[in-house]
Amino acid sequence: MTNPTIKYDTSKFDAALQAISFGVNDFKTIESKGALVLKEGMQQRAAKDTGDMSDGIQSHIIEESNEKIEDDVGPEASYAPYQEYGTGIYAEAGNGRKTPWVYRDRNGNFHTTRGNRPHPFVRPTALQDHDKVIDAMDKEFKRKLLTAWLR
């Protein structure tokens, strides 16, 4: 008895692969889908007092070439590290100031504080949304492949 054989003509697929040539802009589009997932995740998790923190979360391409695209996704607010890691006696790893201090709020009122507890939003997004980022990029990559194949 002979083993059953299934033959499949791959000539159309092979021709499509030969015709596909992804450039930097194609990869930037794929990468931008992942960056958007990160940006939205950070915006959802960021503290919302004035909205400056979540509104200031941006994506900036740092490096791009045919081999690599590096994107910096994160908050632009100068006080973002204080939200992420905490301040004073509440700062992570004990890195904060140990004595109380006085500050003035945006309404001109004075307050004494010993610090602010951490409100992480960057690290949890990177950890918890990792699979969503990969899925978004994978979906765009497959869409681009299909579009190229159907040309």
N, C-alpha and C. Protein backbone atom coordinates (compact mmCIF):
# COMPACT_ATOMS: atom_id res chain seq x y z
N MET A 1 0.84 -1.16 0.00
CA MET A 1 0.00 0.00 0.00
C MET A 1 0.90 1.25 0.00
N THR A 2 0.57 2.21 -0.85
CA THR A 2 1.36 3.45 -0.93
C THR A 2 0.72 4.51 -0.06
N ASN A 3 1.55 5.42 0.44
CA ASN A 3 1.04 6.52 1.25
C ASN A 3 0.31 7.52 0.36
N PRO A 4 -0.80 8.08 0.87
CA PRO A 4 -1.52 9.07 0.07
C PRO A 4 -0.67 10.34 -0.09
N THR A 5 -0.77 10.96 -1.21
CA THR A 5 0.00 12.16 -1.50
C THR A 5 -0.95 13.29 -1.86
N ILE A 6 -0.67 14.42 -1.30
CA ILE A 6 -1.45 15.62 -1.64
C ILE A 6 -0.50 16.57 -2.32
N LYS A 7 -0.86 16.98 -3.52
CA LYS A 7 -0.04 17.94 -4.25
C LYS A 7 -0.75 19.28 -4.26
N TYR A 8 0.03 20.31 -4.04
CA TYR A 8 -0.51 21.66 -4.02
C TYR A 8 0.38 22.54 -4.87
N ASP A 9 -0.21 23.25 -5.80
CA ASP A 9 0.54 24.12 -6.69
C ASP A 9 0.85 25.43 -5.96
N THR A 10 2.10 25.68 -5.67
CA THR A 10 2.51 26.88 -4.95
C THR A 10 3.03 27.98 -5.87
N SER A 11 2.86 27.82 -7.17
CA SER A 11 3.44 28.80 -8.09
C SER A 11 2.86 30.20 -7.86
N LYS A 12 1.56 30.30 -7.58
CA LYS A 12 0.95 31.60 -7.33
C LYS A 12 1.50 32.21 -6.04
N PHE A 13 1.65 31.39 -5.02
CA PHE A 13 2.20 31.85 -3.75
C PHE A 13 3.66 32.28 -3.92
N ASP A 14 4.42 31.47 -4.64
CA ASP A 14 5.83 31.80 -4.88
C ASP A 14 5.97 33.12 -5.63
N ALA A 15 5.10 33.33 -6.63
CA ALA A 15 5.13 34.57 -7.40
C ALA A 15 4.79 35.76 -6.49
N ALA A 16 3.81 35.56 -5.60
CA ALA A 16 3.43 36.64 -4.68
C ALA A 16 4.59 36.98 -3.74
N LEU A 17 5.26 35.97 -3.23
CA LEU A 17 6.41 36.21 -2.35
C LEU A 17 7.50 36.98 -3.08
N GLN A 18 7.71 36.66 -4.34
CA GLN A 18 8.73 37.37 -5.12
C GLN A 18 8.33 38.83 -5.33
N ALA A 19 7.02 39.08 -5.44
CA ALA A 19 6.55 40.44 -5.72
C ALA A 19 6.52 41.32 -4.47
N ILE A 20 6.50 40.69 -3.31
CA ILE A 20 6.41 41.46 -2.07
C ILE A 20 7.78 42.03 -1.73
N SER A 21 7.79 43.31 -1.53
CA SER A 21 9.01 43.94 -1.05
C SER A 21 8.58 45.01 -0.04
N PHE A 22 8.74 44.69 1.21
CA PHE A 22 8.37 45.63 2.26
C PHE A 22 9.50 46.63 2.46
N GLY A 23 9.12 47.89 2.55
CA GLY A 23 10.09 48.94 2.82
C GLY A 23 9.90 49.49 4.22
N VAL A 24 10.69 50.48 4.56
CA VAL A 24 10.65 51.09 5.88
C VAL A 24 9.25 51.59 6.20
N ASN A 25 8.58 52.23 5.24
CA ASN A 25 7.24 52.76 5.50
C ASN A 25 6.24 51.66 5.82
N ASP A 26 6.40 50.50 5.17
CA ASP A 26 5.51 49.37 5.48
C ASP A 26 5.73 48.91 6.92
N PHE A 27 6.98 48.79 7.31
CA PHE A 27 7.28 48.36 8.67
C PHE A 27 6.89 49.41 9.69
N LYS A 28 7.00 50.70 9.33
CA LYS A 28 6.55 51.75 10.24
C LYS A 28 5.05 51.66 10.47
N THR A 29 4.30 51.34 9.42
CA THR A 29 2.85 51.18 9.57
C THR A 29 2.53 50.01 10.49
N ILE A 30 3.25 48.91 10.32
CA ILE A 30 3.05 47.74 11.18
C ILE A 30 3.40 48.09 12.62
N GLU A 31 4.53 48.74 12.81
CA GLU A 31 4.98 49.12 14.15
C GLU A 31 4.00 50.09 14.80
N SER A 32 3.45 51.01 14.01
CA SER A 32 2.56 52.03 14.57
C SER A 32 1.30 51.42 15.19
N LYS A 33 0.89 50.27 14.69
CA LYS A 33 -0.29 49.59 15.27
C LYS A 33 0.02 49.12 16.68
N GLY A 34 1.23 48.61 16.89
CA GLY A 34 1.64 48.20 18.23
C GLY A 34 1.82 49.39 19.15
N ALA A 35 2.40 50.47 18.63
CA ALA A 35 2.61 51.69 19.42
C ALA A 35 1.27 52.27 19.86
N LEU A 36 0.27 52.20 19.00
CA LEU A 36 -1.06 52.72 19.35
C LEU A 36 -1.67 51.94 20.51
N VAL A 37 -1.50 50.63 20.52
CA VAL A 37 -1.99 49.81 21.63
C VAL A 37 -1.33 50.24 22.93
N LEU A 38 -0.01 50.45 22.90
CA LEU A 38 0.70 50.89 24.10
C LEU A 38 0.22 52.27 24.56
N LYS A 39 0.10 53.18 23.61
CA LYS A 39 -0.33 54.54 23.93
C LYS A 39 -1.71 54.53 24.59
N GLU A 40 -2.64 53.79 24.00
CA GLU A 40 -4.00 53.73 24.55
C GLU A 40 -4.02 53.06 25.92
N GLY A 41 -3.21 52.03 26.10
CA GLY A 41 -3.14 51.36 27.40
C GLY A 41 -2.61 52.28 28.48
N MET A 42 -1.58 53.05 28.15
CA MET A 42 -1.02 54.00 29.12
C MET A 42 -2.04 55.10 29.43
N GLN A 43 -2.73 55.58 28.40
CA GLN A 43 -3.72 56.63 28.62
C GLN A 43 -4.85 56.15 29.53
N GLN A 44 -5.26 54.90 29.37
CA GLN A 44 -6.32 54.36 30.23
C GLN A 44 -5.87 54.21 31.67
N ARG A 45 -4.59 53.90 31.87
CA ARG A 45 -4.08 53.64 33.22
C ARG A 45 -3.51 54.89 33.92
N ALA A 46 -3.25 55.95 33.17
CA ALA A 46 -2.63 57.16 33.73
C ALA A 46 -3.59 57.88 34.66
N ALA A 47 -3.02 58.55 35.66
CA ALA A 47 -3.82 59.38 36.57
C ALA A 47 -4.49 60.49 35.76
N LYS A 48 -5.73 60.81 36.14
CA LYS A 48 -6.48 61.81 35.37
C LYS A 48 -6.93 62.95 36.27
N ASP A 49 -5.99 63.83 36.58
CA ASP A 49 -6.34 65.02 37.35
C ASP A 49 -6.69 66.14 36.38
N THR A 50 -5.70 66.60 35.64
CA THR A 50 -5.94 67.66 34.65
C THR A 50 -6.07 67.08 33.24
N GLY A 51 -5.65 65.83 33.06
CA GLY A 51 -5.65 65.23 31.73
C GLY A 51 -4.35 65.42 30.99
N ASP A 52 -3.45 66.25 31.56
CA ASP A 52 -2.17 66.52 30.90
C ASP A 52 -1.33 65.24 30.75
N MET A 53 -1.39 64.38 31.77
CA MET A 53 -0.57 63.16 31.72
C MET A 53 -1.02 62.27 30.57
N SER A 54 -2.30 61.93 30.52
CA SER A 54 -2.75 61.01 29.46
C SER A 54 -2.72 61.67 28.09
N ASP A 55 -3.02 62.96 28.02
CA ASP A 55 -2.96 63.66 26.73
C ASP A 55 -1.53 63.75 26.21
N GLY A 56 -0.55 63.75 27.12
CA GLY A 56 0.84 63.91 26.74
C GLY A 56 1.55 62.61 26.41
N ILE A 57 0.84 61.51 26.37
CA ILE A 57 1.48 60.24 26.01
C ILE A 57 1.59 60.18 24.50
N GLN A 58 2.83 60.08 24.03
CA GLN A 58 3.10 60.17 22.60
C GLN A 58 3.99 59.03 22.13
N SER A 59 4.10 58.93 20.83
CA SER A 59 4.96 57.94 20.18
C SER A 59 5.91 58.68 19.26
N HIS A 60 7.21 58.40 19.39
CA HIS A 60 8.23 59.05 18.56
C HIS A 60 9.19 58.01 18.01
N ILE A 61 9.32 57.97 16.70
CA ILE A 61 10.31 57.08 16.09
C ILE A 61 11.70 57.63 16.41
N ILE A 62 12.53 56.81 17.03
CA ILE A 62 13.89 57.21 17.39
C ILE A 62 14.88 56.81 16.31
N GLU A 63 14.67 55.61 15.77
CA GLU A 63 15.59 55.10 14.75
C GLU A 63 14.79 54.29 13.74
N GLU A 64 15.12 54.47 12.47
CA GLU A 64 14.47 53.67 11.43
C GLU A 64 15.46 53.33 10.34
N SER A 65 15.40 52.08 9.93
CA SER A 65 16.22 51.59 8.82
C SER A 65 15.53 50.35 8.27
N ASN A 66 16.11 49.74 7.27
CA ASN A 66 15.51 48.51 6.71
C ASN A 66 15.64 47.35 7.70
N GLU A 67 16.50 47.47 8.69
CA GLU A 67 16.71 46.39 9.67
C GLU A 67 16.01 46.63 10.99
N LYS A 68 15.69 47.90 11.30
CA LYS A 68 15.22 48.20 12.65
C LYS A 68 14.37 49.46 12.68
N ILE A 69 13.30 49.40 13.48
CA ILE A 69 12.52 50.59 13.79
C ILE A 69 12.39 50.63 15.31
N GLU A 70 12.86 51.73 15.89
CA GLU A 70 12.79 51.88 17.34
C GLU A 70 11.88 53.06 17.65
N ASP A 71 10.88 52.80 18.47
CA ASP A 71 9.87 53.79 18.80
C ASP A 71 9.86 54.01 20.31
N ASP A 72 9.79 55.25 20.73
CA ASP A 72 9.68 55.59 22.14
C ASP A 72 8.22 55.98 22.39
N VAL A 73 7.52 55.15 23.13
CA VAL A 73 6.12 55.41 23.46
C VAL A 73 6.05 55.68 24.95
N GLY A 74 5.53 56.84 25.32
CA GLY A 74 5.42 57.14 26.74
C GLY A 74 4.99 58.56 27.02
N PRO A 75 4.93 58.88 28.31
CA PRO A 75 4.46 60.21 28.72
C PRO A 75 5.50 61.29 28.48
N GLU A 76 5.02 62.47 28.13
CA GLU A 76 5.89 63.62 27.92
C GLU A 76 5.90 64.54 29.15
N ALA A 77 4.95 64.36 30.05
CA ALA A 77 4.86 65.24 31.23
C ALA A 77 6.10 65.08 32.10
N SER A 78 6.65 66.20 32.54
CA SER A 78 7.88 66.17 33.35
C SER A 78 7.67 65.43 34.67
N TYR A 79 6.45 65.38 35.16
CA TYR A 79 6.18 64.73 36.44
C TYR A 79 5.79 63.25 36.31
N ALA A 80 5.87 62.72 35.11
CA ALA A 80 5.50 61.31 34.89
C ALA A 80 6.29 60.34 35.76
N PRO A 81 7.62 60.51 35.92
CA PRO A 81 8.35 59.56 36.78
C PRO A 81 7.85 59.57 38.23
N TYR A 82 7.40 60.73 38.70
CA TYR A 82 6.90 60.82 40.07
C TYR A 82 5.59 60.05 40.22
N GLN A 83 4.78 60.06 39.17
CA GLN A 83 3.54 59.27 39.18
C GLN A 83 3.86 57.78 39.12
N GLU A 84 4.78 57.44 38.25
CA GLU A 84 5.12 56.03 38.03
C GLU A 84 5.79 55.39 39.24
N TYR A 85 6.74 56.11 39.87
CA TYR A 85 7.55 55.52 40.94
C TYR A 85 7.25 56.05 42.33
N GLY A 86 6.44 57.11 42.44
CA GLY A 86 6.13 57.69 43.74
C GLY A 86 7.20 58.67 44.19
N THR A 87 6.90 59.39 45.28
CA THR A 87 7.82 60.38 45.83
C THR A 87 7.88 60.24 47.34
N GLY A 88 8.85 60.93 47.92
CA GLY A 88 8.96 60.97 49.38
C GLY A 88 9.07 59.59 50.00
N ILE A 89 8.40 59.43 51.13
CA ILE A 89 8.50 58.17 51.86
C ILE A 89 7.84 57.02 51.12
N TYR A 90 7.05 57.32 50.10
CA TYR A 90 6.34 56.29 49.34
C TYR A 90 7.08 55.85 48.07
N ALA A 91 8.18 56.53 47.76
CA ALA A 91 8.91 56.22 46.53
C ALA A 91 9.39 54.77 46.54
N GLU A 92 9.31 54.15 45.39
CA GLU A 92 9.76 52.76 45.26
C GLU A 92 11.23 52.64 45.63
N ALA A 93 11.57 51.54 46.20
CA ALA A 93 12.95 51.20 46.58
C ALA A 93 13.52 52.18 47.60
N GLY A 94 12.66 52.94 48.30
CA GLY A 94 13.14 53.85 49.32
C GLY A 94 13.96 55.01 48.81
N ASN A 95 13.78 55.37 47.54
CA ASN A 95 14.59 56.41 46.91
C ASN A 95 14.07 57.83 47.10
N GLY A 96 13.03 58.00 47.88
CA GLY A 96 12.45 59.33 48.04
C GLY A 96 12.95 60.08 49.25
N ARG A 97 12.55 61.31 49.32
CA ARG A 97 12.89 62.19 50.44
C ARG A 97 12.25 61.63 51.72
N LYS A 98 12.96 61.73 52.84
CA LYS A 98 12.49 61.14 54.09
C LYS A 98 11.79 62.16 55.00
N THR A 99 11.90 63.45 54.68
CA THR A 99 11.30 64.49 55.52
C THR A 99 10.15 65.17 54.77
N PRO A 100 9.14 65.67 55.51
CA PRO A 100 8.01 66.36 54.86
C PRO A 100 8.46 67.66 54.18
N TRP A 101 7.64 68.14 53.24
CA TRP A 101 7.92 69.42 52.59
C TRP A 101 6.60 70.10 52.26
N VAL A 102 6.69 71.37 51.93
CA VAL A 102 5.51 72.19 51.63
C VAL A 102 5.53 72.52 50.15
N TYR A 103 4.34 72.49 49.54
CA TYR A 103 4.22 72.89 48.14
C TYR A 103 2.93 73.70 47.96
N ARG A 104 2.88 74.43 46.85
CA ARG A 104 1.70 75.23 46.54
C ARG A 104 0.99 74.59 45.35
N ASP A 105 -0.31 74.38 45.46
CA ASP A 105 -1.07 73.78 44.35
C ASP A 105 -1.42 74.84 43.31
N ARG A 106 -2.10 74.42 42.26
CA ARG A 106 -2.40 75.35 41.16
C ARG A 106 -3.39 76.44 41.55
N ASN A 107 -4.08 76.27 42.69
CA ASN A 107 -5.01 77.29 43.16
C ASN A 107 -4.36 78.25 44.16
N GLY A 108 -3.06 78.06 44.42
CA GLY A 108 -2.34 78.93 45.33
C GLY A 108 -2.36 78.49 46.78
N ASN A 109 -2.97 77.35 47.07
CA ASN A 109 -3.04 76.85 48.45
C ASN A 109 -1.78 76.07 48.79
N PHE A 110 -1.31 76.21 50.04
CA PHE A 110 -0.13 75.51 50.50
C PHE A 110 -0.52 74.19 51.17
N HIS A 111 0.31 73.18 50.97
CA HIS A 111 0.08 71.86 51.56
C HIS A 111 1.40 71.29 52.05
N THR A 112 1.34 70.52 53.13
CA THR A 112 2.50 69.78 53.61
C THR A 112 2.29 68.33 53.19
N THR A 113 3.35 67.70 52.73
CA THR A 113 3.24 66.31 52.27
C THR A 113 4.48 65.53 52.68
N ARG A 114 4.30 64.24 52.71
CA ARG A 114 5.44 63.33 52.92
C ARG A 114 5.70 62.55 51.64
N GLY A 115 4.91 62.87 50.61
CA GLY A 115 5.12 62.22 49.32
C GLY A 115 3.83 61.73 48.69
N ASN A 116 4.00 61.11 47.56
CA ASN A 116 2.87 60.59 46.79
C ASN A 116 3.13 59.11 46.50
N ARG A 117 2.14 58.29 46.70
CA ARG A 117 2.28 56.86 46.41
C ARG A 117 2.44 56.66 44.90
N PRO A 118 3.14 55.61 44.51
CA PRO A 118 3.28 55.33 43.07
C PRO A 118 1.93 55.02 42.43
N HIS A 119 1.76 55.48 41.23
CA HIS A 119 0.59 55.16 40.40
C HIS A 119 1.12 54.68 39.05
N PRO A 120 1.69 53.47 39.02
CA PRO A 120 2.31 53.00 37.78
C PRO A 120 1.30 52.85 36.65
N PHE A 121 1.70 53.26 35.49
CA PHE A 121 0.86 53.11 34.30
C PHE A 121 1.68 52.72 33.07
N VAL A 122 2.98 53.01 33.06
CA VAL A 122 3.83 52.65 31.93
C VAL A 122 4.20 51.17 32.02
N ARG A 123 4.76 50.77 33.14
CA ARG A 123 5.20 49.37 33.30
C ARG A 123 4.04 48.38 33.23
N PRO A 124 2.91 48.65 33.91
CA PRO A 124 1.80 47.70 33.78
C PRO A 124 1.30 47.55 32.34
N THR A 125 1.33 48.65 31.60
CA THR A 125 0.90 48.57 30.20
C THR A 125 1.84 47.68 29.40
N ALA A 126 3.13 47.89 29.58
CA ALA A 126 4.11 47.08 28.84
C ALA A 126 3.96 45.60 29.17
N LEU A 127 3.71 45.29 30.43
CA LEU A 127 3.60 43.90 30.85
C LEU A 127 2.25 43.28 30.47
N GLN A 128 1.18 44.00 30.74
CA GLN A 128 -0.16 43.43 30.56
C GLN A 128 -0.65 43.48 29.12
N ASP A 129 -0.18 44.43 28.34
CA ASP A 129 -0.66 44.58 26.96
C ASP A 129 0.29 44.01 25.92
N HIS A 130 1.32 43.31 26.36
CA HIS A 130 2.32 42.75 25.45
C HIS A 130 1.67 41.95 24.33
N ASP A 131 0.78 41.03 24.67
CA ASP A 131 0.14 40.18 23.65
C ASP A 131 -0.74 41.00 22.70
N LYS A 132 -1.40 42.04 23.23
CA LYS A 132 -2.23 42.90 22.37
C LYS A 132 -1.37 43.64 21.35
N VAL A 133 -0.18 44.07 21.77
CA VAL A 133 0.75 44.76 20.87
C VAL A 133 1.16 43.83 19.74
N ILE A 134 1.57 42.62 20.11
CA ILE A 134 1.99 41.63 19.11
C ILE A 134 0.83 41.30 18.17
N ASP A 135 -0.36 41.12 18.71
CA ASP A 135 -1.53 40.80 17.89
C ASP A 135 -1.84 41.93 16.90
N ALA A 136 -1.76 43.17 17.36
CA ALA A 136 -2.06 44.32 16.48
C ALA A 136 -1.05 44.39 15.34
N MET A 137 0.22 44.17 15.66
CA MET A 137 1.26 44.22 14.63
C MET A 137 1.12 43.02 13.68
N ASP A 138 0.81 41.87 14.23
CA ASP A 138 0.65 40.67 13.42
C ASP A 138 -0.52 40.83 12.44
N LYS A 139 -1.61 41.40 12.93
CA LYS A 139 -2.79 41.62 12.08
C LYS A 139 -2.46 42.56 10.91
N GLU A 140 -1.72 43.63 11.20
CA GLU A 140 -1.35 44.57 10.14
C GLU A 140 -0.37 43.93 9.16
N PHE A 141 0.55 43.14 9.67
CA PHE A 141 1.51 42.44 8.81
C PHE A 141 0.77 41.51 7.86
N LYS A 142 -0.18 40.74 8.38
CA LYS A 142 -0.95 39.81 7.54
C LYS A 142 -1.79 40.57 6.52
N ARG A 143 -2.34 41.73 6.94
CA ARG A 143 -3.13 42.55 6.00
C ARG A 143 -2.25 43.02 4.85
N LYS A 144 -1.04 43.45 5.18
CA LYS A 144 -0.12 43.92 4.14
C LYS A 144 0.30 42.77 3.22
N LEU A 145 0.53 41.60 3.79
CA LEU A 145 0.88 40.43 2.98
C LEU A 145 -0.25 40.09 2.02
N LEU A 146 -1.47 40.07 2.53
CA LEU A 146 -2.63 39.74 1.70
C LEU A 146 -2.81 40.77 0.59
N THR A 147 -2.66 42.04 0.94
CA THR A 147 -2.78 43.10 -0.07
C THR A 147 -1.74 42.94 -1.16
N ALA A 148 -0.51 42.63 -0.77
CA ALA A 148 0.56 42.43 -1.76
C ALA A 148 0.30 41.21 -2.62
N TRP A 149 -0.24 40.16 -2.01
CA TRP A 149 -0.49 38.93 -2.73
C TRP A 149 -1.60 39.11 -3.77
N LEU A 150 -2.60 39.93 -3.43
CA LEU A 150 -3.74 40.11 -4.33
C LEU A 150 -3.47 41.13 -5.44
N ARG A 151 -2.34 41.78 -5.42
CA ARG A 151 -2.04 42.74 -6.48
C ARG A 151 -1.90 42.08 -7.82
